[in-house]
């Protein structure tokens, strides 16, 4: 049973699933870059190996693979659990847009950090590092807010169903 203020709309759920799978696909491409960084070449049998040069930041390429996939799964979990969240229309919009911002800003940060000297860990250095840092910063704030909305909305549902 779906309460009008307890879940994302069908459009919002479909949109989040769409964005999640795009982000997971980007994470899979990051995994290909990780393999190339580890091997120093791309081997696609029976084609001869292609020598490719990527920044020597294997850990960051791993993050470019795993980070977006985990964020996509988190967004899919939001979609799956949204019927159990009692939120106002305004807070439901916050949940929806906050999740999209978190997905894309985190993915940008994960995919750009191998190309920066500062890994996006501080607002210093070259412009890409500063942009990467603020991308992660905004995504982290959105993630914290989303978790807070999840706690608030699920508790409200729990209390409403206790009576």
N, C-alpha and C. Protein backbone atom coordinates (compact mmCIF):
# COMPACT_ATOMS: atom_id res chain seq x y z
N UNK A 1 0.85 -1.18 0.00
CA UNK A 1 0.00 0.00 0.00
C UNK A 1 0.90 1.24 0.00
N UNK A 2 0.67 2.12 -0.96
CA UNK A 2 1.50 3.28 -1.12
C UNK A 2 0.75 4.54 -0.70
N UNK A 3 1.30 5.23 0.26
CA UNK A 3 0.75 6.50 0.72
C UNK A 3 1.24 7.58 -0.24
N UNK A 4 0.44 8.59 -0.53
CA UNK A 4 0.83 9.61 -1.49
C UNK A 4 2.07 10.38 -1.05
N UNK A 5 2.36 10.41 0.23
CA UNK A 5 3.56 11.13 0.67
C UNK A 5 4.57 10.16 1.28
N UNK A 6 4.56 8.91 0.83
CA UNK A 6 5.50 7.97 1.41
C UNK A 6 6.46 7.36 0.40
N UNK A 7 6.41 7.83 -0.83
CA UNK A 7 7.25 7.19 -1.83
C UNK A 7 7.55 8.14 -2.97
N UNK A 8 8.60 7.81 -3.67
CA UNK A 8 8.90 8.51 -4.90
C UNK A 8 7.82 8.18 -5.92
N UNK A 9 7.56 9.08 -6.83
CA UNK A 9 6.59 8.80 -7.90
C UNK A 9 7.17 7.76 -8.85
N UNK A 10 6.31 7.21 -9.68
CA UNK A 10 6.76 6.22 -10.67
C UNK A 10 7.83 6.84 -11.58
N UNK A 11 7.60 8.09 -12.01
CA UNK A 11 8.59 8.76 -12.85
C UNK A 11 9.93 8.91 -12.11
N UNK A 12 9.88 9.35 -10.86
CA UNK A 12 11.11 9.54 -10.10
C UNK A 12 11.85 8.22 -9.91
N UNK A 13 11.13 7.15 -9.62
CA UNK A 13 11.77 5.83 -9.46
C UNK A 13 12.40 5.39 -10.78
N UNK A 14 11.65 5.52 -11.87
CA UNK A 14 12.18 5.13 -13.18
C UNK A 14 13.41 5.95 -13.55
N UNK A 15 13.35 7.24 -13.27
CA UNK A 15 14.48 8.12 -13.56
C UNK A 15 15.71 7.74 -12.75
N UNK A 16 15.51 7.44 -11.47
CA UNK A 16 16.66 7.05 -10.63
C UNK A 16 17.24 5.71 -11.08
N UNK A 17 16.38 4.78 -11.50
CA UNK A 17 16.89 3.50 -12.02
C UNK A 17 17.70 3.77 -13.29
N UNK A 18 17.20 4.61 -14.17
CA UNK A 18 17.90 4.97 -15.40
C UNK A 18 19.28 5.57 -15.10
N UNK A 19 19.31 6.58 -14.23
CA UNK A 19 20.58 7.21 -13.86
C UNK A 19 21.52 6.20 -13.20
N UNK A 20 20.98 5.34 -12.35
CA UNK A 20 21.80 4.35 -11.65
C UNK A 20 22.49 3.41 -12.63
N UNK A 21 21.77 2.93 -13.61
CA UNK A 21 22.39 2.01 -14.56
C UNK A 21 23.41 2.70 -15.45
N UNK A 22 23.19 3.97 -15.79
CA UNK A 22 24.22 4.71 -16.53
C UNK A 22 25.47 4.83 -15.68
N UNK A 23 25.31 5.18 -14.41
CA UNK A 23 26.45 5.33 -13.50
C UNK A 23 27.16 4.00 -13.32
N UNK A 24 26.42 2.91 -13.18
CA UNK A 24 27.05 1.59 -13.05
C UNK A 24 27.83 1.26 -14.32
N UNK A 25 27.29 1.61 -15.48
CA UNK A 25 28.02 1.42 -16.74
C UNK A 25 29.31 2.20 -16.79
N UNK A 26 29.28 3.43 -16.30
CA UNK A 26 30.50 4.24 -16.22
C UNK A 26 31.50 3.58 -15.29
N UNK A 27 31.02 3.03 -14.18
CA UNK A 27 31.90 2.30 -13.27
C UNK A 27 32.53 1.08 -13.93
N UNK A 28 31.78 0.39 -14.77
CA UNK A 28 32.34 -0.76 -15.49
C UNK A 28 33.44 -0.31 -16.45
N UNK A 29 33.24 0.83 -17.10
CA UNK A 29 34.29 1.38 -17.97
C UNK A 29 35.52 1.76 -17.14
N UNK A 30 35.28 2.28 -15.94
CA UNK A 30 36.40 2.56 -15.04
C UNK A 30 37.16 1.30 -14.69
N UNK A 31 36.46 0.17 -14.63
CA UNK A 31 37.11 -1.12 -14.39
C UNK A 31 38.03 -1.50 -15.53
N UNK A 32 37.61 -1.17 -16.76
CA UNK A 32 38.49 -1.43 -17.91
C UNK A 32 39.76 -0.60 -17.81
N UNK A 33 39.60 0.65 -17.39
CA UNK A 33 40.78 1.51 -17.21
C UNK A 33 41.67 0.96 -16.11
N UNK A 34 41.08 0.42 -15.06
CA UNK A 34 41.84 -0.17 -13.96
C UNK A 34 42.67 -1.35 -14.46
N UNK A 35 42.06 -2.21 -15.26
CA UNK A 35 42.79 -3.35 -15.82
C UNK A 35 43.95 -2.87 -16.69
N UNK A 36 43.71 -1.85 -17.51
CA UNK A 36 44.77 -1.31 -18.35
C UNK A 36 45.89 -0.73 -17.49
N UNK A 37 45.52 -0.02 -16.43
CA UNK A 37 46.55 0.55 -15.53
C UNK A 37 47.35 -0.55 -14.86
N UNK A 38 46.71 -1.64 -14.48
CA UNK A 38 47.41 -2.76 -13.84
C UNK A 38 48.33 -3.49 -14.81
N UNK A 39 47.83 -3.75 -16.03
CA UNK A 39 48.59 -4.53 -17.01
C UNK A 39 49.53 -3.69 -17.86
N UNK A 40 49.25 -2.40 -17.97
CA UNK A 40 50.05 -1.52 -18.81
C UNK A 40 49.71 -1.65 -20.29
N UNK A 41 48.70 -2.44 -20.59
CA UNK A 41 48.27 -2.64 -21.98
C UNK A 41 46.85 -3.17 -21.99
N UNK A 42 46.26 -3.14 -23.16
CA UNK A 42 44.92 -3.69 -23.34
C UNK A 42 45.04 -4.93 -24.20
N UNK A 43 44.63 -6.06 -23.66
CA UNK A 43 44.67 -7.31 -24.41
C UNK A 43 43.26 -7.77 -24.71
N UNK A 44 42.95 -7.82 -25.99
CA UNK A 44 41.65 -8.31 -26.46
C UNK A 44 41.93 -9.40 -27.48
N UNK A 45 42.07 -10.62 -27.00
CA UNK A 45 42.41 -11.72 -27.88
C UNK A 45 41.36 -11.85 -28.97
N UNK A 46 41.67 -12.07 -30.20
CA UNK A 46 42.95 -12.39 -30.82
C UNK A 46 43.71 -11.18 -31.35
N UNK A 47 43.23 -9.99 -31.05
CA UNK A 47 43.92 -8.76 -31.49
C UNK A 47 45.23 -8.65 -30.72
N UNK A 48 46.30 -8.19 -31.37
CA UNK A 48 47.56 -8.01 -30.63
C UNK A 48 47.38 -6.97 -29.52
N UNK A 49 48.12 -7.12 -28.42
CA UNK A 49 47.98 -6.17 -27.29
C UNK A 49 48.25 -4.73 -27.73
N UNK A 50 47.45 -3.83 -27.19
CA UNK A 50 47.63 -2.39 -27.45
C UNK A 50 48.32 -1.78 -26.24
N UNK A 51 49.46 -1.17 -26.47
CA UNK A 51 50.17 -0.49 -25.39
C UNK A 51 49.47 0.85 -25.15
N UNK A 52 48.93 1.03 -23.97
CA UNK A 52 48.21 2.25 -23.62
C UNK A 52 48.85 2.85 -22.37
N UNK A 53 48.84 4.16 -22.34
CA UNK A 53 49.42 4.84 -21.19
C UNK A 53 48.32 5.56 -20.42
N UNK A 54 48.16 5.17 -19.17
CA UNK A 54 47.22 5.83 -18.27
C UNK A 54 48.01 6.32 -17.07
N UNK A 55 47.50 7.32 -16.36
CA UNK A 55 48.20 7.74 -15.14
C UNK A 55 48.43 6.54 -14.22
N UNK A 56 49.59 6.49 -13.60
CA UNK A 56 49.98 5.35 -12.76
C UNK A 56 49.34 5.43 -11.38
N UNK A 57 48.06 5.54 -11.34
CA UNK A 57 47.34 5.63 -10.08
C UNK A 57 46.34 4.48 -10.01
N UNK A 58 46.88 3.30 -9.81
CA UNK A 58 46.04 2.09 -9.82
C UNK A 58 44.92 2.13 -8.80
N UNK A 59 45.20 2.65 -7.62
CA UNK A 59 44.18 2.75 -6.58
C UNK A 59 43.03 3.66 -7.02
N UNK A 60 43.37 4.74 -7.70
CA UNK A 60 42.33 5.66 -8.14
C UNK A 60 41.51 5.07 -9.29
N UNK A 61 42.13 4.26 -10.13
CA UNK A 61 41.37 3.58 -11.17
C UNK A 61 40.45 2.53 -10.56
N UNK A 62 40.90 1.88 -9.50
CA UNK A 62 40.02 0.95 -8.78
C UNK A 62 38.82 1.71 -8.23
N UNK A 63 39.07 2.88 -7.66
CA UNK A 63 37.98 3.70 -7.14
C UNK A 63 37.04 4.15 -8.26
N UNK A 64 37.61 4.44 -9.45
CA UNK A 64 36.78 4.85 -10.59
C UNK A 64 35.89 3.70 -11.06
N UNK A 65 36.27 2.50 -10.71
CA UNK A 65 35.47 1.31 -11.03
C UNK A 65 34.43 1.06 -9.94
N UNK A 66 34.88 0.93 -8.71
CA UNK A 66 34.01 0.52 -7.61
C UNK A 66 33.11 1.65 -7.12
N UNK A 67 33.61 2.87 -7.07
CA UNK A 67 32.84 4.00 -6.54
C UNK A 67 31.51 4.22 -7.26
N UNK A 68 31.52 4.38 -8.59
CA UNK A 68 30.24 4.57 -9.28
C UNK A 68 29.30 3.37 -9.14
N UNK A 69 29.86 2.16 -9.17
CA UNK A 69 29.01 0.98 -9.02
C UNK A 69 28.32 1.00 -7.65
N UNK A 70 29.06 1.31 -6.60
CA UNK A 70 28.47 1.36 -5.26
C UNK A 70 27.44 2.48 -5.15
N UNK A 71 27.71 3.63 -5.77
CA UNK A 71 26.74 4.72 -5.75
C UNK A 71 25.48 4.34 -6.51
N UNK A 72 25.63 3.65 -7.63
CA UNK A 72 24.47 3.19 -8.38
C UNK A 72 23.63 2.21 -7.57
N UNK A 73 24.31 1.31 -6.87
CA UNK A 73 23.59 0.35 -6.02
C UNK A 73 22.88 1.09 -4.88
N UNK A 74 23.53 2.09 -4.31
CA UNK A 74 22.91 2.90 -3.25
C UNK A 74 21.63 3.55 -3.78
N UNK A 75 21.70 4.12 -4.99
CA UNK A 75 20.52 4.76 -5.56
C UNK A 75 19.42 3.74 -5.83
N UNK A 76 19.79 2.55 -6.29
CA UNK A 76 18.79 1.50 -6.50
C UNK A 76 18.16 1.08 -5.17
N UNK A 77 18.95 1.08 -4.11
CA UNK A 77 18.40 0.77 -2.78
C UNK A 77 17.42 1.85 -2.34
N UNK A 78 17.69 3.09 -2.68
CA UNK A 78 16.76 4.19 -2.36
C UNK A 78 15.43 3.96 -3.08
N UNK A 79 15.52 3.58 -4.36
CA UNK A 79 14.31 3.30 -5.12
C UNK A 79 13.53 2.15 -4.46
N UNK A 80 14.23 1.09 -4.11
CA UNK A 80 13.58 -0.10 -3.54
C UNK A 80 12.94 0.18 -2.18
N UNK A 81 13.55 1.03 -1.40
CA UNK A 81 13.05 1.29 -0.05
C UNK A 81 12.13 2.51 0.03
N UNK A 82 12.00 3.24 -1.06
CA UNK A 82 11.19 4.47 -1.01
C UNK A 82 9.75 4.25 -0.57
N UNK A 83 9.11 3.11 -0.85
CA UNK A 83 7.75 2.93 -0.34
C UNK A 83 7.67 2.90 1.19
N UNK A 84 8.79 2.71 1.85
CA UNK A 84 8.81 2.65 3.31
C UNK A 84 9.20 3.98 3.95
N UNK A 85 9.26 5.03 3.15
CA UNK A 85 9.64 6.35 3.65
C UNK A 85 8.43 7.27 3.60
N UNK A 86 8.05 7.79 4.74
CA UNK A 86 6.98 8.78 4.79
C UNK A 86 7.64 10.15 4.80
N UNK A 87 7.60 10.80 3.65
CA UNK A 87 8.21 12.12 3.49
C UNK A 87 7.19 13.05 2.83
N UNK A 88 7.29 14.32 3.12
CA UNK A 88 6.44 15.30 2.45
C UNK A 88 6.84 15.37 0.98
N UNK A 89 6.00 16.00 0.19
CA UNK A 89 6.30 16.16 -1.24
C UNK A 89 7.62 16.90 -1.42
N UNK A 90 7.84 17.92 -0.61
CA UNK A 90 9.07 18.70 -0.70
C UNK A 90 10.29 17.83 -0.37
N UNK A 91 10.22 17.06 0.70
CA UNK A 91 11.35 16.21 1.08
C UNK A 91 11.56 15.06 0.09
N UNK A 92 10.49 14.59 -0.52
CA UNK A 92 10.62 13.57 -1.56
C UNK A 92 11.38 14.14 -2.75
N UNK A 93 11.11 15.39 -3.12
CA UNK A 93 11.87 16.04 -4.19
C UNK A 93 13.34 16.18 -3.79
N UNK A 94 13.58 16.52 -2.53
CA UNK A 94 14.97 16.61 -2.05
C UNK A 94 15.67 15.26 -2.19
N UNK A 95 14.97 14.19 -1.82
CA UNK A 95 15.53 12.84 -1.93
C UNK A 95 15.86 12.53 -3.39
N UNK A 96 14.96 12.83 -4.27
CA UNK A 96 15.13 12.55 -5.70
C UNK A 96 16.30 13.34 -6.29
N UNK A 97 16.25 14.66 -6.15
CA UNK A 97 17.30 15.48 -6.75
C UNK A 97 18.64 15.29 -6.04
N UNK A 98 18.61 15.12 -4.74
CA UNK A 98 19.84 14.86 -3.99
C UNK A 98 20.53 13.59 -4.44
N UNK A 99 19.74 12.57 -4.75
CA UNK A 99 20.31 11.31 -5.22
C UNK A 99 20.94 11.49 -6.59
N UNK A 100 20.29 12.21 -7.48
CA UNK A 100 20.86 12.45 -8.81
C UNK A 100 22.15 13.26 -8.71
N UNK A 101 22.15 14.30 -7.89
CA UNK A 101 23.36 15.10 -7.72
C UNK A 101 24.48 14.25 -7.13
N UNK A 102 24.16 13.45 -6.12
CA UNK A 102 25.17 12.58 -5.51
C UNK A 102 25.76 11.64 -6.56
N UNK A 103 24.91 11.01 -7.36
CA UNK A 103 25.38 10.07 -8.38
C UNK A 103 26.37 10.72 -9.35
N UNK A 104 25.96 11.81 -9.93
CA UNK A 104 26.78 12.42 -10.98
C UNK A 104 28.01 13.13 -10.44
N UNK A 105 27.89 13.81 -9.31
CA UNK A 105 29.05 14.51 -8.77
C UNK A 105 30.10 13.52 -8.25
N UNK A 106 29.66 12.45 -7.60
CA UNK A 106 30.61 11.43 -7.16
C UNK A 106 31.28 10.77 -8.35
N UNK A 107 30.50 10.45 -9.37
CA UNK A 107 31.06 9.80 -10.55
C UNK A 107 32.08 10.71 -11.23
N UNK A 108 31.77 11.99 -11.35
CA UNK A 108 32.75 12.91 -11.92
C UNK A 108 34.03 12.91 -11.09
N UNK A 109 33.88 12.96 -9.78
CA UNK A 109 35.06 12.95 -8.91
C UNK A 109 35.88 11.69 -9.07
N UNK A 110 35.21 10.54 -9.07
CA UNK A 110 35.93 9.27 -9.21
C UNK A 110 36.63 9.17 -10.56
N UNK A 111 35.98 9.62 -11.62
CA UNK A 111 36.56 9.48 -12.95
C UNK A 111 37.65 10.53 -13.23
N UNK A 112 37.61 11.65 -12.56
CA UNK A 112 38.62 12.69 -12.82
C UNK A 112 39.81 12.63 -11.87
N UNK A 113 39.64 12.03 -10.69
CA UNK A 113 40.73 12.04 -9.70
C UNK A 113 42.03 11.38 -10.19
N UNK A 114 42.01 10.34 -11.05
CA UNK A 114 43.28 9.79 -11.52
C UNK A 114 44.11 10.78 -12.34
N UNK A 115 43.48 11.82 -12.84
CA UNK A 115 44.17 12.80 -13.67
C UNK A 115 44.63 14.03 -12.89
N UNK A 116 44.45 14.01 -11.58
CA UNK A 116 44.85 15.15 -10.76
C UNK A 116 46.03 14.77 -9.88
N UNK A 117 46.79 15.77 -9.49
CA UNK A 117 47.93 15.51 -8.60
C UNK A 117 47.47 15.39 -7.15
N UNK A 118 46.33 15.98 -6.81
CA UNK A 118 45.88 15.98 -5.43
C UNK A 118 44.79 14.99 -5.13
N UNK A 119 44.40 14.17 -6.11
CA UNK A 119 43.40 13.12 -5.95
C UNK A 119 42.03 13.65 -5.54
N UNK A 120 41.82 14.96 -5.62
CA UNK A 120 40.55 15.54 -5.22
C UNK A 120 40.35 15.58 -3.73
N UNK A 121 41.45 15.48 -2.98
CA UNK A 121 41.34 15.43 -1.52
C UNK A 121 41.40 16.80 -0.86
N UNK A 122 41.78 17.81 -1.59
CA UNK A 122 41.86 19.15 -1.03
C UNK A 122 41.60 20.19 -2.11
N UNK A 123 41.16 21.36 -1.71
CA UNK A 123 40.86 22.43 -2.66
C UNK A 123 42.13 23.22 -2.95
N UNK A 124 43.10 22.55 -3.55
CA UNK A 124 44.37 23.19 -3.88
C UNK A 124 44.94 22.57 -5.14
N UNK A 125 45.98 23.18 -5.67
CA UNK A 125 46.62 22.64 -6.87
C UNK A 125 45.94 23.12 -8.13
N UNK A 126 46.01 22.26 -9.15
CA UNK A 126 45.47 22.63 -10.46
C UNK A 126 43.94 22.68 -10.43
N UNK A 127 43.38 23.31 -11.44
CA UNK A 127 41.93 23.54 -11.50
C UNK A 127 41.14 22.24 -11.44
N UNK A 128 41.59 21.20 -12.16
CA UNK A 128 40.84 19.94 -12.17
C UNK A 128 40.78 19.33 -10.77
N UNK A 129 41.85 19.45 -10.00
CA UNK A 129 41.85 18.93 -8.64
C UNK A 129 40.85 19.68 -7.77
N UNK A 130 40.78 20.99 -7.93
CA UNK A 130 39.84 21.81 -7.16
C UNK A 130 38.40 21.45 -7.52
N UNK A 131 38.13 21.29 -8.82
CA UNK A 131 36.80 20.91 -9.28
C UNK A 131 36.45 19.52 -8.75
N UNK A 132 37.41 18.61 -8.81
CA UNK A 132 37.22 17.24 -8.31
C UNK A 132 36.90 17.27 -6.81
N UNK A 133 37.64 18.07 -6.06
CA UNK A 133 37.40 18.18 -4.62
C UNK A 133 35.99 18.65 -4.33
N UNK A 134 35.55 19.73 -4.98
CA UNK A 134 34.21 20.25 -4.72
C UNK A 134 33.12 19.30 -5.22
N UNK A 135 33.42 18.54 -6.27
CA UNK A 135 32.48 17.53 -6.74
C UNK A 135 32.26 16.47 -5.66
N UNK A 136 33.35 15.96 -5.08
CA UNK A 136 33.23 14.99 -3.99
C UNK A 136 32.54 15.62 -2.77
N UNK A 137 32.86 16.87 -2.48
CA UNK A 137 32.32 17.57 -1.32
C UNK A 137 30.79 17.69 -1.43
N UNK A 138 30.33 18.14 -2.59
CA UNK A 138 28.89 18.29 -2.82
C UNK A 138 28.20 16.92 -2.75
N UNK A 139 28.82 15.91 -3.36
CA UNK A 139 28.24 14.56 -3.34
C UNK A 139 28.16 14.01 -1.92
N UNK A 140 29.18 14.27 -1.12
CA UNK A 140 29.18 13.79 0.27
C UNK A 140 28.08 14.47 1.08
N UNK A 141 27.90 15.76 0.88
CA UNK A 141 26.81 16.46 1.58
C UNK A 141 25.45 15.90 1.16
N UNK A 142 25.28 15.64 -0.13
CA UNK A 142 24.02 15.05 -0.60
C UNK A 142 23.81 13.67 0.00
N UNK A 143 24.87 12.86 0.05
CA UNK A 143 24.75 11.51 0.60
C UNK A 143 24.34 11.56 2.07
N UNK A 144 24.95 12.46 2.83
CA UNK A 144 24.58 12.60 4.24
C UNK A 144 23.13 13.03 4.39
N UNK A 145 22.70 13.96 3.56
CA UNK A 145 21.32 14.44 3.60
C UNK A 145 20.36 13.32 3.24
N UNK A 146 20.69 12.55 2.20
CA UNK A 146 19.85 11.43 1.78
C UNK A 146 19.71 10.40 2.90
N UNK A 147 20.81 10.07 3.55
CA UNK A 147 20.76 9.12 4.66
C UNK A 147 19.88 9.68 5.78
N UNK A 148 20.03 10.97 6.05
CA UNK A 148 19.17 11.61 7.07
C UNK A 148 17.71 11.53 6.69
N UNK A 149 17.38 11.77 5.41
CA UNK A 149 15.99 11.65 4.96
C UNK A 149 15.50 10.21 5.11
N UNK A 150 16.39 9.26 4.82
CA UNK A 150 16.02 7.85 4.98
C UNK A 150 15.71 7.50 6.42
N UNK A 151 16.53 7.99 7.33
CA UNK A 151 16.30 7.75 8.76
C UNK A 151 14.99 8.41 9.20
N UNK A 152 14.82 9.66 8.83
CA UNK A 152 13.61 10.41 9.20
C UNK A 152 12.36 9.75 8.61
N UNK A 153 12.39 9.45 7.31
CA UNK A 153 11.21 8.90 6.64
C UNK A 153 10.87 7.50 7.09
N UNK A 154 11.86 6.68 7.34
CA UNK A 154 11.57 5.31 7.79
C UNK A 154 11.07 5.30 9.23
N UNK A 155 11.61 6.19 10.06
CA UNK A 155 11.12 6.27 11.44
C UNK A 155 9.67 6.74 11.46
N UNK A 156 9.37 7.72 10.61
CA UNK A 156 7.99 8.23 10.54
C UNK A 156 7.04 7.12 10.09
N UNK A 157 7.45 6.34 9.12
CA UNK A 157 6.63 5.20 8.65
C UNK A 157 6.46 4.18 9.76
N UNK A 158 7.54 3.90 10.46
CA UNK A 158 7.51 2.92 11.55
C UNK A 158 6.54 3.36 12.64
N UNK A 159 6.59 4.63 13.00
CA UNK A 159 5.70 5.16 14.04
C UNK A 159 4.25 5.13 13.56
N UNK A 160 4.01 5.51 12.29
CA UNK A 160 2.65 5.50 11.74
C UNK A 160 2.07 4.10 11.70
N UNK A 161 2.90 3.11 11.45
CA UNK A 161 2.41 1.73 11.34
C UNK A 161 2.34 1.03 12.71
N UNK A 162 2.90 1.63 13.73
CA UNK A 162 2.87 1.06 15.07
C UNK A 162 1.49 1.20 15.70
N UNK A 163 0.79 2.23 15.33
CA UNK A 163 -0.50 2.56 15.94
C UNK A 163 -1.61 1.66 15.50
